[in-house]
């Protein structure tokens, strides 16, 4: 192999390695976000799709408060009107400085870890019914009454 041919072989291998690295980065960027694992809650009858109802906790694509986009997160359904539901988001981070933050019993959101969660009632969101993915359960009457009291 002469010097010129050796240079072309090295350049070709470098180009192939670069193309493989770019393809790997693109694949990582377009992979869908991981969904939380855990119990799926009551399942709808075959052939039907359950719709959210007030007092239920669901996982849904909840819009961000400060810009475009959304996040798959648990939320409490407060009311359903037409094709949208008004929800209060649920978080695993306690924000004591925010008004209207209510503790929920551990495991309320249907995750495997059974983590404590907090209902944030100070910022409500309207979510299309098509964005609701999985029902996690229903809050008990005491939690529902406290949420209603804070919201009214």
Protein backbone atom coordinates (compact mmCIF):
# COMPACT_ATOMS: atom_id res chain seq x y z
CA UNK A 1 0.00 0.00 0.00
CA UNK A 2 1.50 3.32 -0.98
CA UNK A 3 1.26 6.48 1.17
CA UNK A 4 -1.63 7.99 -0.79
CA UNK A 5 -3.81 4.86 -0.58
CA UNK A 6 -3.11 4.54 3.16
CA UNK A 7 -4.27 8.12 3.70
CA UNK A 8 -7.55 7.46 1.87
CA UNK A 9 -8.19 4.31 3.93
CA UNK A 10 -7.65 6.23 7.18
CA UNK A 11 -9.93 9.06 5.99
CA UNK A 12 -12.64 6.58 4.93
CA UNK A 13 -12.55 4.84 8.33
CA UNK A 14 -12.72 8.20 10.13
CA UNK A 15 -15.75 9.16 8.01
CA UNK A 16 -17.52 5.89 8.83
CA UNK A 17 -16.84 6.36 12.56
CA UNK A 18 -18.17 9.93 12.42
CA UNK A 19 -21.34 8.83 10.59
CA UNK A 20 -21.93 6.09 13.19
CA UNK A 21 -21.51 8.57 16.06
CA UNK A 22 -23.98 11.02 14.50
CA UNK A 23 -26.53 8.23 13.93
CA UNK A 24 -26.20 7.10 17.56
CA UNK A 25 -26.77 10.65 18.85
CA UNK A 26 -29.83 11.11 16.66
CA UNK A 27 -31.29 7.79 17.84
CA UNK A 28 -30.83 8.80 21.47
CA UNK A 29 -32.54 12.19 20.90
CA UNK A 30 -35.60 10.74 19.17
CA UNK A 31 -36.20 7.90 21.64
CA UNK A 32 -39.47 8.48 23.54
CA UNK A 33 -39.22 9.45 27.21
CA UNK A 34 -39.50 6.64 29.71
CA UNK A 35 -42.92 6.22 31.28
CA UNK A 36 -43.25 5.71 35.01
CA UNK A 37 -43.62 2.09 35.98
CA UNK A 38 -46.14 0.87 38.46
CA UNK A 39 -49.60 -0.51 38.86
CA UNK A 40 -51.96 0.36 36.08
CA UNK A 41 -55.04 0.70 38.24
CA UNK A 42 -58.47 -0.48 37.18
CA UNK A 43 -58.65 -1.33 33.51
CA UNK A 44 -61.54 -0.35 31.25
CA UNK A 45 -63.69 -3.02 29.66
CA UNK A 46 -62.27 -4.37 26.39
CA UNK A 47 -63.30 -2.20 23.46
CA UNK A 48 -63.93 0.87 25.62
CA UNK A 49 -61.68 3.66 26.80
CA UNK A 50 -62.09 4.95 30.31
CA UNK A 51 -62.48 8.69 30.58
CA UNK A 52 -61.29 10.71 33.55
CA UNK A 53 -63.79 11.75 36.20
CA UNK A 54 -63.57 14.23 39.08
CA UNK A 55 -61.77 12.90 42.17
CA UNK A 56 -59.57 10.53 40.10
CA UNK A 57 -55.79 10.61 39.80
CA UNK A 58 -54.50 10.07 36.26
CA UNK A 59 -51.18 10.15 34.42
CA UNK A 60 -51.51 12.64 31.56
CA UNK A 61 -49.52 15.01 29.37
CA UNK A 62 -49.96 18.13 31.51
CA UNK A 63 -48.99 21.47 29.89
CA UNK A 64 -46.13 23.44 31.43
CA UNK A 65 -47.09 26.58 33.34
CA UNK A 66 -44.45 28.82 31.81
CA UNK A 67 -44.24 27.98 28.15
CA UNK A 68 -44.92 25.50 25.39
CA UNK A 69 -44.68 21.77 25.93
CA UNK A 70 -45.96 19.29 28.46
CA UNK A 71 -44.85 16.54 30.83
CA UNK A 72 -46.27 13.10 31.52
CA UNK A 73 -47.20 13.44 35.19
CA UNK A 74 -49.88 12.52 37.70
CA UNK A 75 -52.74 14.94 38.23
CA UNK A 76 -56.05 15.14 40.08
CA UNK A 77 -59.10 15.60 37.86
CA UNK A 78 -61.25 18.42 39.25
CA UNK A 79 -63.90 18.70 36.53
CA UNK A 80 -64.60 17.50 33.01
CA UNK A 81 -66.26 19.72 30.41
CA UNK A 82 -66.62 18.67 26.80
CA UNK A 83 -63.29 17.38 25.53
CA UNK A 84 -61.13 18.82 28.31
CA UNK A 85 -60.57 18.29 32.01
CA UNK A 86 -59.37 20.80 34.57
CA UNK A 87 -56.64 19.27 36.72
CA UNK A 88 -54.29 20.10 39.57
CA UNK A 89 -50.80 18.71 39.09
CA UNK A 90 -49.22 16.30 41.53
CA UNK A 91 -45.51 16.40 42.29
CA UNK A 92 -43.05 14.32 44.30
CA UNK A 93 -41.27 17.48 45.48
CA UNK A 94 -42.73 19.32 48.46
CA UNK A 95 -42.94 23.07 47.85
CA UNK A 96 -43.82 24.41 51.31
CA UNK A 97 -43.52 27.99 50.07
CA UNK A 98 -46.41 27.57 47.62
CA UNK A 99 -49.97 28.16 48.82
CA UNK A 100 -52.50 25.35 48.54
CA UNK A 101 -50.07 22.41 48.62
CA UNK A 102 -51.77 19.33 50.05
CA UNK A 103 -50.00 16.09 51.03
CA UNK A 104 -51.29 12.88 49.47
CA UNK A 105 -50.96 9.42 51.00
CA UNK A 106 -47.84 7.52 49.84
CA UNK A 107 -48.55 5.46 46.73
CA UNK A 108 -51.46 7.65 45.58
CA UNK A 109 -50.03 8.09 42.09
CA UNK A 110 -49.54 4.38 41.40
CA UNK A 111 -45.76 4.27 41.26
CA UNK A 112 -43.78 1.23 42.41
CA UNK A 113 -41.80 3.18 44.98
CA UNK A 114 -44.93 4.32 46.83
CA UNK A 115 -43.43 7.78 47.22
CA UNK A 116 -45.12 10.62 49.03
CA UNK A 117 -46.73 13.13 46.68
CA UNK A 118 -48.16 16.62 46.93
CA UNK A 119 -51.16 18.15 45.20
CA UNK A 120 -50.51 21.70 43.99
CA UNK A 121 -53.84 23.52 43.87
CA UNK A 122 -52.50 27.00 43.11
CA UNK A 123 -52.11 26.44 39.35
CA UNK A 124 -54.81 24.57 37.48
CA UNK A 125 -54.45 23.30 33.91
CA UNK A 126 -56.93 22.40 31.19
CA UNK A 127 -55.92 19.11 29.59
CA UNK A 128 -57.48 17.51 26.48
CA UNK A 129 -59.13 14.17 27.27
CA UNK A 130 -56.92 12.59 24.59
CA UNK A 131 -53.85 13.41 26.75
CA UNK A 132 -54.93 11.14 29.62
CA UNK A 133 -52.92 7.91 29.61
CA UNK A 134 -53.45 5.86 32.75
CA UNK A 135 -55.79 5.97 35.74
CA UNK A 136 -53.93 5.61 39.05
CA UNK A 137 -56.89 5.65 41.44
CA UNK A 138 -59.29 7.86 43.34
CA UNK A 139 -58.53 10.20 46.24
CA UNK A 140 -60.44 9.50 49.43
CA UNK A 141 -63.28 11.74 50.59
CA UNK A 142 -61.12 13.61 53.10
CA UNK A 143 -58.48 14.57 50.52
CA UNK A 144 -61.21 15.48 48.01
CA UNK A 145 -62.97 17.69 50.59
CA UNK A 146 -59.69 19.47 51.46
CA UNK A 147 -58.93 20.02 47.77
CA UNK A 148 -62.42 21.42 47.16
CA UNK A 149 -62.08 23.72 50.18
CA UNK A 150 -58.77 25.12 48.92
CA UNK A 151 -60.12 25.55 45.39
CA UNK A 152 -63.33 27.35 46.38
